[in-house]
Amino acid sequence: MLIDTDTASDDAVALIMALQSPDVDVLAITVVAGNVNVAQASRNALYVAELCGSVVPVYAGAPAPLSRPAVPADWFHGRDGLGDHGYPPPSRALESGHAVDAIIQTLDANPGLTLVTLGPLTNIALALTRQPDIASKVGRCVVMGGNPCCEGNVTPAAEYNIWCDPEAAAIVLGSGMPVDLVGWHLCRSEAVLNAGDIAHVLSLDTPLARFAIECNSAAMEAYYVQTGETGISLPDPVAMSIALDPFLCTERTTHAVQIETGSELTRGMTVVDRLNVCGDELNREIWKGAPYVDVCWTLDVPRWKQALYASLI
């Protein structure tokens, strides 16, 4: 597995799930600007790796989207991305290479690997632009991003990761990689960690369990302001759980998908041809060449939560 992340609070828990899995070899973590700046996100990734006792190489990547300014989500995750609890700096340093080079080299050396993206898709788009044939080396790409059937979480039209760098998202979805799109809708409602779930995690009484709840403290407050739902919403761990166990996605269908890049009103909107009308005369020209993507619609919530708990022991 290769993980690309803008490491903040939910990303941190997703990294724990992967690094703690006995069935997964995380070859590298590449870091992109998104929730926080790329330096802070890189520091956070190293910190989480150390918590897991992992020496996985971590590479810093793009400091901003392809053609837009960086817009952090510190209002949601805190200034440091981990709820501003003053976690100490990691004891080891980043790798000297750039994330884009690491992505290309890792895919060249490990064809068929699973690529999991937890942030804006800038690093992946840059790698594809430089070496398009790496798309054929990806066995499966699990993208946490988009809002294929609901409102957005940063604008009425868009989910944050896709909104941050819609041009990059369009490149990645159009690259020919086999993409599982895991949208924001899957981490809501019953999938949210409620008071009982949080109490159960804390009862595990391990450093990882305590960290998973503590680092999401600011996000929990922001999520309530945003949605009125009480609890901890974990979009990146939900995506990671599906990467680790595809059967956690209980409904998956394939559709033409486009990302809006030209409109400020609907920038980053994930437009899914769910009724399969893009070949009709009315739509054929606009949708010509649109990529086809597997969209995950529903989640086995009890199994997702059990998978989370197991990773925190």
Protein backbone atom coordinates (compact mmCIF):
# COMPACT_ATOMS: atom_id res chain seq x y z
CA MET A 1 0.00 0.00 0.00
CA LEU A 2 1.05 3.58 -0.74
CA ILE A 3 -0.77 6.31 1.22
CA ASP A 4 -1.01 9.96 0.17
CA THR A 5 -2.29 12.21 2.96
CA ASP A 6 -2.72 15.78 4.22
CA THR A 7 -2.32 14.46 7.75
CA ALA A 8 -4.82 15.90 10.21
CA SER A 9 -6.98 14.25 12.84
CA ASP A 10 -8.99 11.79 10.75
CA ASP A 11 -6.02 11.05 8.49
CA ALA A 12 -4.06 10.16 11.64
CA VAL A 13 -6.58 7.49 12.58
CA ALA A 14 -6.58 6.15 9.01
CA LEU A 15 -2.79 5.86 9.11
CA ILE A 16 -3.05 3.94 12.39
CA MET A 17 -5.50 1.50 10.78
CA ALA A 18 -3.09 0.78 7.93
CA LEU A 19 0.11 0.69 9.97
CA GLN A 20 -1.45 -1.60 12.58
CA SER A 21 -2.88 -4.03 10.05
CA PRO A 22 -0.95 -7.31 10.03
CA ASP A 23 -1.95 -7.93 6.40
CA VAL A 24 -0.63 -4.67 4.95
CA ASP A 25 2.84 -3.48 4.05
CA VAL A 26 2.78 0.32 3.85
CA LEU A 27 5.65 1.06 1.49
CA ALA A 28 5.57 4.84 1.83
CA ILE A 29 3.52 7.77 3.08
CA THR A 30 3.49 10.82 0.83
CA VAL A 31 2.23 14.13 2.12
CA VAL A 32 0.36 16.95 0.42
CA ALA A 33 -0.91 20.36 1.53
CA GLY A 34 -4.58 20.37 2.43
CA ASN A 35 -5.97 20.30 5.96
CA VAL A 36 -2.73 21.96 7.10
CA ASN A 37 0.41 23.11 5.33
CA VAL A 38 2.65 20.40 3.96
CA ALA A 39 5.33 20.85 6.64
CA GLN A 40 2.82 20.42 9.46
CA ALA A 41 1.10 17.52 7.70
CA SER A 42 4.48 15.82 7.26
CA ARG A 43 5.32 16.29 10.92
CA ASN A 44 1.95 14.79 11.84
CA ALA A 45 2.52 11.77 9.61
CA LEU A 46 5.90 11.10 11.22
CA TYR A 47 4.38 11.48 14.68
CA VAL A 48 1.64 8.94 13.93
CA ALA A 49 4.13 6.50 12.43
CA GLU A 50 6.18 6.69 15.61
CA LEU A 51 3.11 6.06 17.74
CA CYS A 52 2.63 2.86 15.74
CA GLY A 53 6.29 1.87 16.05
CA SER A 54 6.68 2.14 12.28
CA VAL A 55 9.71 3.35 10.34
CA VAL A 56 7.76 3.73 7.08
CA PRO A 57 9.41 6.39 4.91
CA VAL A 58 7.54 9.71 4.81
CA TYR A 59 7.99 12.17 1.94
CA ALA A 60 6.82 15.79 1.73
CA GLY A 61 5.16 16.84 -1.52
CA ALA A 62 3.18 19.65 -3.10
CA PRO A 63 2.78 22.77 -0.94
CA ALA A 64 -0.27 24.01 -2.88
CA PRO A 65 -2.81 22.85 -5.48
CA LEU A 66 -1.90 22.75 -9.17
CA SER A 67 -3.28 26.18 -10.02
CA ARG A 68 -5.04 27.55 -6.93
CA PRO A 69 -3.94 28.88 -3.55
CA ALA A 70 -3.84 26.50 -0.60
CA VAL A 71 -6.85 26.80 1.73
CA PRO A 72 -6.29 24.88 4.98
CA ALA A 73 -9.05 23.40 7.12
CA ASP A 74 -7.55 24.54 10.42
CA TRP A 75 -10.99 25.77 11.45
CA PHE A 76 -11.99 22.10 11.55
CA HIS A 77 -8.87 20.25 12.71
CA GLY A 78 -7.06 22.92 14.73
CA ARG A 79 -3.97 24.90 13.80
CA ASP A 80 -1.71 21.85 13.99
CA GLY A 81 -4.29 19.53 12.43
CA LEU A 82 -4.40 17.36 15.55
CA GLY A 83 -6.63 19.44 17.80
CA ASP A 84 -3.85 21.68 19.19
CA HIS A 85 -2.84 19.42 22.09
CA GLY A 86 0.86 20.23 21.86
CA TYR A 87 2.13 16.85 20.70
CA PRO A 88 5.95 16.70 20.73
CA PRO A 89 7.92 16.76 17.50
CA PRO A 90 8.78 13.40 15.96
CA SER A 91 12.23 12.04 16.63
CA ARG A 92 13.06 11.14 13.03
CA ALA A 93 13.22 13.25 9.92
CA LEU A 94 11.48 13.16 6.56
CA GLU A 95 13.09 11.36 3.66
CA SER A 96 15.17 13.66 1.48
CA GLY A 97 13.28 12.98 -1.76
CA HIS A 98 10.09 14.59 -3.04
CA ALA A 99 6.73 12.85 -2.67
CA VAL A 100 6.08 12.89 -6.43
CA ASP A 101 9.34 11.07 -7.13
CA ALA A 102 8.55 8.60 -4.34
CA ILE A 103 5.12 7.87 -5.84
CA ILE A 104 6.59 7.17 -9.28
CA GLN A 105 9.45 5.05 -7.93
CA THR A 106 7.21 3.06 -5.58
CA LEU A 107 4.70 2.28 -8.32
CA ASP A 108 7.43 1.35 -10.80
CA ALA A 109 8.92 -1.06 -8.27
CA ASN A 110 5.62 -2.49 -7.00
CA PRO A 111 3.09 -2.85 -9.81
CA GLY A 112 -0.35 -3.84 -8.59
CA LEU A 113 -0.15 -2.07 -5.24
CA THR A 114 -3.11 -0.34 -3.59
CA LEU A 115 -2.96 3.46 -3.61
CA VAL A 116 -5.00 5.20 -0.90
CA THR A 117 -5.52 8.97 -1.10
CA LEU A 118 -6.74 10.84 1.96
CA GLY A 119 -6.28 14.46 0.88
CA PRO A 120 -6.27 16.69 -2.20
CA LEU A 121 -4.98 14.79 -5.23
CA THR A 122 -2.19 17.19 -6.17
CA ASN A 123 0.74 14.80 -5.61
CA ILE A 124 -0.90 12.01 -7.58
CA ALA A 125 -1.81 14.34 -10.46
CA LEU A 126 1.76 15.65 -10.63
CA ALA A 127 3.11 12.11 -10.73
CA LEU A 128 0.66 11.14 -13.48
CA THR A 129 1.52 14.24 -15.49
CA ARG A 130 5.21 13.45 -15.28
CA GLN A 131 4.85 9.72 -15.98
CA PRO A 132 1.37 8.78 -17.25
CA ASP A 133 2.12 5.06 -17.49
CA ILE A 134 2.15 4.68 -13.69
CA ALA A 135 -1.64 4.60 -13.89
CA SER A 136 -1.33 1.05 -15.25
CA LYS A 137 0.81 0.08 -12.24
CA VAL A 138 -1.98 0.81 -9.74
CA GLY A 139 -3.93 -2.29 -8.82
CA ARG A 140 -6.60 -0.29 -7.00
CA CYS A 141 -6.90 3.38 -6.05
CA VAL A 142 -9.16 4.22 -3.11
CA VAL A 143 -9.95 7.94 -3.13
CA MET A 144 -11.46 9.58 -0.09
CA GLY A 145 -13.24 12.44 -1.75
CA GLY A 146 -16.37 13.74 -3.29
CA ASN A 147 -20.05 13.96 -2.43
CA PRO A 148 -21.74 11.86 -5.10
CA CYS A 149 -25.21 11.95 -3.54
CA CYS A 150 -25.35 14.75 -0.98
CA GLU A 151 -24.34 18.26 -0.02
CA GLY A 152 -20.69 19.19 0.34
CA ASN A 153 -18.78 19.81 3.55
CA VAL A 154 -16.87 22.92 2.43
CA THR A 155 -19.40 24.45 0.01
CA PRO A 156 -22.99 23.45 -0.72
CA ALA A 157 -21.68 21.70 -3.83
CA ALA A 158 -18.35 20.13 -2.91
CA GLU A 159 -16.36 17.98 -0.51
CA TYR A 160 -13.11 19.47 0.77
CA ASN A 161 -10.47 17.19 -0.82
CA ILE A 162 -11.92 17.55 -4.32
CA TRP A 163 -12.73 21.26 -3.86
CA CYS A 164 -9.15 22.05 -2.83
CA ASP A 165 -7.69 20.90 -6.12
CA PRO A 166 -10.43 20.01 -8.62
CA GLU A 167 -8.00 20.11 -11.54
CA ALA A 168 -5.89 17.42 -9.85
CA ALA A 169 -8.98 15.33 -9.13
CA ALA A 170 -9.99 15.51 -12.79
CA ILE A 171 -6.54 14.29 -13.84
CA VAL A 172 -6.56 11.37 -11.40
CA LEU A 173 -10.08 10.20 -12.23
CA GLY A 174 -9.31 10.50 -15.93
CA SER A 175 -6.00 8.63 -15.74
CA GLY A 176 -7.39 5.16 -16.28
CA MET A 177 -6.55 3.96 -12.78
CA PRO A 178 -9.20 1.67 -11.23
CA VAL A 179 -10.75 4.09 -8.73
CA ASP A 180 -13.03 3.39 -5.79
CA LEU A 181 -14.56 6.75 -4.87
CA VAL A 182 -15.41 6.86 -1.16
CA GLY A 183 -17.43 10.02 -0.62
CA TRP A 184 -18.14 12.15 2.42
CA HIS A 185 -21.64 10.70 2.78
CA LEU A 186 -20.28 7.39 4.09
CA CYS A 187 -18.88 8.89 7.31
CA ARG A 188 -22.13 10.48 8.44
CA SER A 189 -25.16 9.49 10.51
CA GLU A 190 -24.74 5.95 11.92
CA ALA A 191 -21.08 5.83 10.86
CA VAL A 192 -20.24 8.71 13.24
CA LEU A 193 -18.63 7.64 16.51
CA ASN A 194 -21.34 8.38 19.08
CA ALA A 195 -20.90 8.76 22.84
CA GLY A 196 -21.06 5.02 23.38
CA ASP A 197 -18.50 4.34 20.65
CA ILE A 198 -16.15 6.96 22.07
CA ALA A 199 -16.50 5.46 25.56
CA HIS A 200 -15.70 2.03 24.14
CA VAL A 201 -12.57 3.31 22.39
CA LEU A 202 -11.38 4.99 25.58
CA SER A 203 -12.06 1.80 27.55
CA LEU A 204 -9.45 0.05 25.41
CA ASP A 205 -7.00 2.17 27.43
CA THR A 206 -4.16 2.11 24.94
CA PRO A 207 -2.03 5.04 23.74
CA LEU A 208 -3.45 4.69 20.23
CA ALA A 209 -7.05 4.64 21.45
CA ARG A 210 -6.56 7.71 23.63
CA PHE A 211 -4.79 9.55 20.82
CA ALA A 212 -7.50 8.69 18.28
CA ILE A 213 -10.15 10.36 20.41
CA GLU A 214 -8.04 13.24 21.72
CA CYS A 215 -6.66 14.38 18.35
CA ASN A 216 -10.23 14.57 17.00
CA SER A 217 -11.48 16.88 19.78
CA ALA A 218 -11.50 20.03 17.65
CA ALA A 219 -12.97 18.12 14.70
CA MET A 220 -15.78 16.81 16.88
CA GLU A 221 -16.76 20.35 17.89
CA ALA A 222 -16.49 21.63 14.32
CA TYR A 223 -18.56 18.75 12.98
CA TYR A 224 -21.38 19.60 15.38
CA VAL A 225 -21.32 23.25 14.24
CA GLN A 226 -21.26 22.11 10.62
CA THR A 227 -23.97 19.44 10.67
CA GLY A 228 -25.73 19.42 14.04
CA GLU A 229 -24.60 15.79 14.49
CA THR A 230 -22.90 14.92 17.78
CA GLY A 231 -19.88 12.66 17.58
CA ILE A 232 -16.66 12.10 15.66
CA SER A 233 -16.97 11.82 11.89
CA LEU A 234 -14.03 9.96 10.32
CA PRO A 235 -14.05 10.14 6.52
CA ASP A 236 -10.45 9.03 6.04
CA PRO A 237 -10.67 5.99 8.35
CA VAL A 238 -13.88 4.95 6.58
CA ALA A 239 -12.03 5.09 3.27
CA MET A 240 -9.10 3.20 4.77
CA SER A 241 -11.41 0.52 6.15
CA ILE A 242 -12.76 -0.04 2.61
CA ALA A 243 -9.21 -0.13 1.26
CA LEU A 244 -8.38 -2.82 3.82
CA ASP A 245 -11.63 -4.74 3.31
CA PRO A 246 -13.50 -3.98 0.06
CA PHE A 247 -16.57 -5.85 1.32
CA LEU A 248 -17.23 -3.10 3.87
CA CYS A 249 -18.67 -1.20 0.91
CA THR A 250 -22.06 -2.90 0.63
CA GLU A 251 -23.20 -1.15 -2.56
CA ARG A 252 -20.83 -0.14 -5.34
CA THR A 253 -21.76 0.81 -8.90
CA THR A 254 -19.80 2.10 -11.89
CA HIS A 255 -20.68 5.43 -13.50
CA ALA A 256 -19.25 8.19 -15.60
CA VAL A 257 -17.96 10.89 -13.25
CA GLN A 258 -16.78 14.43 -13.90
CA ILE A 259 -15.31 17.07 -11.60
CA GLU A 260 -16.41 20.68 -12.03
CA THR A 261 -13.39 22.95 -12.52
CA GLY A 262 -14.84 25.98 -14.28
CA SER A 263 -17.49 27.30 -11.91
CA GLU A 264 -16.91 29.04 -8.60
CA LEU A 265 -20.45 28.21 -7.51
CA THR A 266 -19.98 24.48 -8.00
CA ARG A 267 -16.17 24.22 -7.97
CA GLY A 268 -15.11 20.68 -7.10
CA MET A 269 -18.58 19.20 -7.45
CA THR A 270 -18.52 15.44 -8.04
CA VAL A 271 -20.97 14.99 -10.91
CA VAL A 272 -22.04 11.34 -11.15
CA ASP A 273 -24.10 10.03 -14.06
CA ARG A 274 -26.07 7.76 -11.74
CA LEU A 275 -28.94 7.34 -14.24
CA ASN A 276 -26.49 6.56 -17.06
CA VAL A 277 -27.80 9.28 -19.36
CA CYS A 278 -24.45 10.70 -20.48
CA GLY A 279 -24.72 8.90 -23.82
CA ASP A 280 -28.04 10.52 -24.67
CA GLU A 281 -28.11 13.07 -27.45
CA LEU A 282 -28.64 15.90 -24.96
CA ASN A 283 -25.51 15.03 -22.94
CA ARG A 284 -23.24 13.19 -25.36
CA GLU A 285 -21.00 16.09 -26.35
CA ILE A 286 -20.43 17.44 -22.83
CA TRP A 287 -19.76 13.96 -21.39
CA LYS A 288 -17.61 12.69 -24.25
CA GLY A 289 -14.56 10.95 -22.82
CA ALA A 290 -15.74 11.10 -19.20
CA PRO A 291 -13.97 8.53 -17.02
CA TYR A 292 -15.85 5.65 -15.40
CA VAL A 293 -15.37 5.23 -11.66
CA ASP A 294 -16.62 2.77 -9.04
CA VAL A 295 -18.68 4.78 -6.54
CA CYS A 296 -19.20 3.41 -3.04
CA TRP A 297 -22.74 4.17 -1.87
CA THR A 298 -23.26 2.31 1.41
CA LEU A 299 -21.15 1.07 4.31
CA ASP A 300 -21.39 -1.89 6.68
CA VAL A 301 -21.31 0.34 9.74
CA PRO A 302 -20.96 -2.31 12.49
CA ARG A 303 -18.04 -3.95 10.68
CA TRP A 304 -16.41 -0.57 10.01
CA LYS A 305 -16.48 0.28 13.71
CA GLN A 306 -15.15 -3.14 14.68
CA ALA A 307 -12.28 -2.69 12.24
CA LEU A 308 -11.48 0.66 13.83
CA TYR A 309 -11.56 -0.74 17.35
CA ALA A 310 -9.28 -3.64 16.41
CA SER A 311 -6.63 -1.25 15.09
CA LEU A 312 -6.48 0.72 18.35
CA ILE A 313 -5.69 -2.14 20.72
